[in-house]
């Protein structure tokens, strides 16, 4: 019993670790082949230096009209760069979230293949799909506030419920019937064998009694 419990615990730990490794692998892979948009840091720094140079050349109250116009143009350009960067971050977060949800769906679907024969690997893939799904949903929540966030959440929910139904509900009746039928068949065979043994013993006893009466 102790060895069975120890083996079950190791299988659980391995499945959990496999799920974490799969999540890390998918996350790093998406970040590597779908990198985030570059921030306009250099352009913003250049604009900051130009504005600082204008302000250092003369006090704030003594800026000429041309200098004030130049400062305003720099401010507008900097704000435009910030807005463009925000839009690119939201688009990247949206696409990254969709990719992660698709990969999570694939991992969870693969976990259904030969789940009865390979339960440890199947559970690890299922956990990896769940963790990756959470990772993708986290990205869309953190980087987007549009209707796309609701769409991605709806897709993630539908995939999770559907695969969970297939994994834990649809498979259970067949497995339960097989588990019940197998012991029942074995019990019937043992009962029949015992009955045959009893009959043979009774026959031998009757034969022995008959032989004693003739003598």
Protein backbone atom coordinates (compact mmCIF):
# COMPACT_ATOMS: atom_id res chain seq x y z
CA UNK A 1 0.00 0.00 0.00
CA UNK A 2 2.84 2.42 0.80
CA UNK A 3 4.51 1.75 -2.56
CA UNK A 4 1.22 2.35 -4.39
CA UNK A 5 0.71 5.65 -2.57
CA UNK A 6 4.29 6.72 -3.26
CA UNK A 7 3.93 5.86 -6.94
CA UNK A 8 0.68 7.79 -7.21
CA UNK A 9 2.29 10.83 -5.57
CA UNK A 10 5.25 10.73 -7.96
CA UNK A 11 2.90 10.49 -10.92
CA UNK A 12 0.98 13.54 -9.69
CA UNK A 13 4.20 15.53 -9.24
CA UNK A 14 5.44 14.52 -12.67
CA UNK A 15 2.14 15.48 -14.31
CA UNK A 16 2.20 18.89 -12.59
CA UNK A 17 5.83 19.47 -13.57
CA UNK A 18 5.11 18.45 -17.16
CA UNK A 19 2.26 20.94 -17.26
CA UNK A 20 4.50 23.75 -16.02
CA UNK A 21 7.25 22.86 -18.51
CA UNK A 22 4.77 22.80 -21.39
CA UNK A 23 3.43 26.21 -20.38
CA UNK A 24 6.94 27.66 -20.19
CA UNK A 25 7.86 26.12 -23.55
CA UNK A 26 4.79 27.52 -25.29
CA UNK A 27 5.18 30.94 -23.68
CA UNK A 28 8.85 31.26 -24.61
CA UNK A 29 8.14 29.95 -28.10
CA UNK A 30 5.42 32.52 -28.72
CA UNK A 31 7.58 35.33 -27.32
CA UNK A 32 10.50 34.21 -29.52
CA UNK A 33 8.67 33.86 -32.83
CA UNK A 34 6.07 36.57 -32.14
CA UNK A 35 8.06 39.27 -30.31
CA UNK A 36 6.41 42.40 -28.97
CA UNK A 37 6.49 45.63 -30.92
CA UNK A 38 9.50 47.82 -30.22
CA UNK A 39 8.89 50.85 -28.10
CA UNK A 40 9.82 54.25 -29.61
CA UNK A 41 12.33 54.91 -26.84
CA UNK A 42 15.07 56.40 -29.01
CA UNK A 43 12.73 58.79 -30.79
CA UNK A 44 11.16 59.89 -27.52
CA UNK A 45 14.59 60.45 -25.99
CA UNK A 46 15.61 62.55 -28.98
CA UNK A 47 12.50 64.69 -28.61
CA UNK A 48 13.17 65.08 -24.88
CA UNK A 49 16.71 66.28 -25.60
CA UNK A 50 15.46 68.80 -28.14
CA UNK A 51 12.89 70.17 -25.72
CA UNK A 52 15.43 70.34 -22.91
CA UNK A 53 17.85 72.21 -25.15
CA UNK A 54 15.19 74.80 -25.99
CA UNK A 55 14.29 75.31 -22.35
CA UNK A 56 17.92 75.58 -21.28
CA UNK A 57 18.62 78.20 -23.89
CA UNK A 58 16.29 80.67 -22.19
CA UNK A 59 14.04 80.73 -19.13
CA UNK A 60 10.44 79.56 -19.46
CA UNK A 61 9.02 83.05 -19.32
CA UNK A 62 11.44 84.34 -21.98
CA UNK A 63 10.83 81.70 -24.67
CA UNK A 64 10.18 83.23 -28.03
CA UNK A 65 7.05 82.49 -30.00
CA UNK A 66 9.02 80.24 -32.34
CA UNK A 67 10.49 78.32 -29.40
CA UNK A 68 7.05 77.86 -27.85
CA UNK A 69 5.73 76.52 -31.15
CA UNK A 70 8.67 74.14 -31.37
CA UNK A 71 8.08 72.92 -27.80
CA UNK A 72 4.42 72.34 -28.62
CA UNK A 73 5.34 70.41 -31.77
CA UNK A 74 7.72 68.25 -29.74
CA UNK A 75 5.00 67.58 -27.15
CA UNK A 76 2.49 66.64 -29.84
CA UNK A 77 4.99 64.33 -31.55
CA UNK A 78 5.84 62.66 -28.26
CA UNK A 79 2.17 62.10 -27.44
CA UNK A 80 1.62 60.65 -30.90
CA UNK A 81 4.47 58.20 -30.38
CA UNK A 82 3.04 57.17 -27.02
CA UNK A 83 -0.38 56.57 -28.59
CA UNK A 84 1.12 54.53 -31.43
CA UNK A 85 3.09 52.43 -28.94
CA UNK A 86 -0.02 51.78 -26.88
CA UNK A 87 -1.97 50.69 -29.96
CA UNK A 88 0.84 48.34 -31.02
CA UNK A 89 1.03 46.86 -27.50
CA UNK A 90 -2.71 46.21 -27.49
CA UNK A 91 -2.59 44.59 -30.93
CA UNK A 92 0.37 42.42 -29.92
CA UNK A 93 -1.28 41.40 -26.65
CA UNK A 94 -4.48 40.51 -28.51
CA UNK A 95 -2.71 38.37 -31.11
CA UNK A 96 -0.48 36.76 -28.47
CA UNK A 97 -3.49 35.87 -26.37
CA UNK A 98 -5.24 34.26 -29.33
CA UNK A 99 -2.13 32.25 -30.23
CA UNK A 100 -1.76 31.02 -26.64
CA UNK A 101 -5.43 30.06 -26.43
CA UNK A 102 -5.10 28.13 -29.72
CA UNK A 103 -2.00 26.30 -28.47
CA UNK A 104 -3.70 25.56 -25.16
CA UNK A 105 -6.68 24.11 -27.02
CA UNK A 106 -4.34 21.93 -29.07
CA UNK A 107 -2.55 20.66 -25.95
CA UNK A 108 -5.83 19.87 -24.21
CA UNK A 109 -7.13 18.08 -27.30
CA UNK A 110 -3.95 15.99 -27.56
CA UNK A 111 -4.36 15.04 -23.89
CA UNK A 112 -7.57 13.21 -24.82
CA UNK A 113 -5.68 10.81 -27.11
CA UNK A 114 -4.94 7.52 -25.34
CA UNK A 115 -5.84 9.10 -22.01
CA UNK A 116 -6.66 5.71 -20.48
CA UNK A 117 -3.41 4.06 -21.57
CA UNK A 118 -1.13 7.02 -20.74
CA UNK A 119 -2.79 8.76 -17.78
CA UNK A 120 0.35 10.51 -16.48
CA UNK A 121 1.26 12.12 -19.82
CA UNK A 122 -2.38 12.88 -20.51
CA UNK A 123 -2.78 14.68 -17.18
CA UNK A 124 0.45 16.62 -17.76
CA UNK A 125 -0.70 17.79 -21.19
CA UNK A 126 -4.09 18.70 -19.76
CA UNK A 127 -2.51 20.76 -16.98
CA UNK A 128 -0.18 22.43 -19.48
CA UNK A 129 -3.17 23.35 -21.62
CA UNK A 130 -5.00 24.78 -18.61
CA UNK A 131 -1.98 26.83 -17.48
CA UNK A 132 -1.39 28.10 -21.03
CA UNK A 133 -5.06 29.03 -21.30
CA UNK A 134 -4.77 31.06 -18.11
CA UNK A 135 -1.60 32.70 -19.44
CA UNK A 136 -3.32 33.70 -22.68
CA UNK A 137 -6.38 35.03 -20.89
CA UNK A 138 -4.12 37.04 -18.60
CA UNK A 139 -2.49 38.72 -21.60
CA UNK A 140 -5.80 39.81 -23.13
CA UNK A 141 -7.01 41.15 -19.78
CA UNK A 142 -3.81 43.11 -19.15
CA UNK A 143 -3.33 44.63 -22.61
CA UNK A 144 -6.78 45.06 -24.14
CA UNK A 145 -10.08 46.59 -23.13
CA UNK A 146 -12.09 46.15 -26.31
CA UNK A 147 -14.67 43.62 -27.43
CA UNK A 148 -11.80 41.29 -28.39
CA UNK A 149 -11.20 40.61 -24.71
CA UNK A 150 -14.75 39.33 -24.28
CA UNK A 151 -14.47 37.23 -27.45
CA UNK A 152 -11.23 35.59 -26.31
CA UNK A 153 -12.67 34.90 -22.86
CA UNK A 154 -15.79 33.37 -24.43
CA UNK A 155 -13.67 31.14 -26.68
CA UNK A 156 -11.50 30.05 -23.75
CA UNK A 157 -14.57 29.25 -21.66
CA UNK A 158 -16.22 27.27 -24.46
CA UNK A 159 -13.06 25.27 -25.16
CA UNK A 160 -12.51 24.52 -21.47
CA UNK A 161 -16.09 23.37 -20.91
CA UNK A 162 -16.16 21.30 -24.10
CA UNK A 163 -12.89 19.49 -23.52
CA UNK A 164 -13.68 19.06 -19.83
CA UNK A 165 -16.97 17.40 -20.75
CA UNK A 166 -15.23 15.04 -23.16
CA UNK A 167 -12.43 14.28 -20.70
CA UNK A 168 -14.35 13.81 -17.45
CA UNK A 169 -18.01 13.22 -18.29
CA UNK A 170 -18.34 11.53 -21.64
CA UNK A 171 -15.61 8.96 -20.97
CA UNK A 172 -16.80 7.99 -17.49
CA UNK A 173 -19.91 5.86 -18.31
CA UNK A 174 -18.02 3.55 -20.66
CA UNK A 175 -15.20 3.14 -18.19
CA UNK A 176 -17.63 2.52 -15.33
CA UNK A 177 -19.55 -0.14 -17.28
CA UNK A 178 -16.33 -1.89 -18.23
CA UNK A 179 -15.09 -1.79 -14.66
CA UNK A 180 -18.37 -3.22 -13.35
CA UNK A 181 -18.71 -5.85 -16.05
CA UNK A 182 -15.23 -7.24 -15.59
CA UNK A 183 -15.55 -8.05 -11.87
CA UNK A 184 -19.05 -9.46 -12.44
CA UNK A 185 -17.79 -11.87 -15.09
CA UNK A 186 -14.90 -12.95 -12.89
CA UNK A 187 -17.21 -13.54 -9.91
CA UNK A 188 -19.53 -15.71 -11.98
CA UNK A 189 -16.65 -17.81 -13.20
CA UNK A 190 -15.38 -18.35 -9.65
CA UNK A 191 -18.89 -19.28 -8.42
CA UNK A 192 -19.30 -21.81 -11.24
CA UNK A 193 -15.93 -23.37 -10.45
CA UNK A 194 -16.82 -23.67 -6.76
CA UNK A 195 -20.13 -25.32 -7.63
CA UNK A 196 -18.34 -27.85 -9.82
CA UNK A 197 -15.90 -28.56 -7.00
CA UNK A 198 -18.77 -29.14 -4.55
CA UNK A 199 -20.54 -31.44 -7.01
CA UNK A 200 -17.41 -33.49 -7.58
CA UNK A 201 -16.86 -33.82 -3.82
CA UNK A 202 -20.47 -34.97 -3.32
CA UNK A 203 -20.07 -37.52 -6.10
CA UNK A 204 -16.92 -38.90 -4.50
CA UNK A 205 -18.61 -39.07 -1.09
CA UNK A 206 -21.64 -40.88 -2.55
CA UNK A 207 -19.39 -43.34 -4.33
CA UNK A 208 -17.47 -44.03 -1.13
CA UNK A 209 -20.71 -44.61 0.84
CA UNK A 210 -22.02 -46.95 -1.85
CA UNK A 211 -18.86 -49.03 -1.87
CA UNK A 212 -18.99 -49.36 1.94
CA UNK A 213 -22.62 -50.57 1.86
CA UNK A 214 -21.88 -53.33 -0.65
CA UNK A 215 -19.13 -54.71 1.62
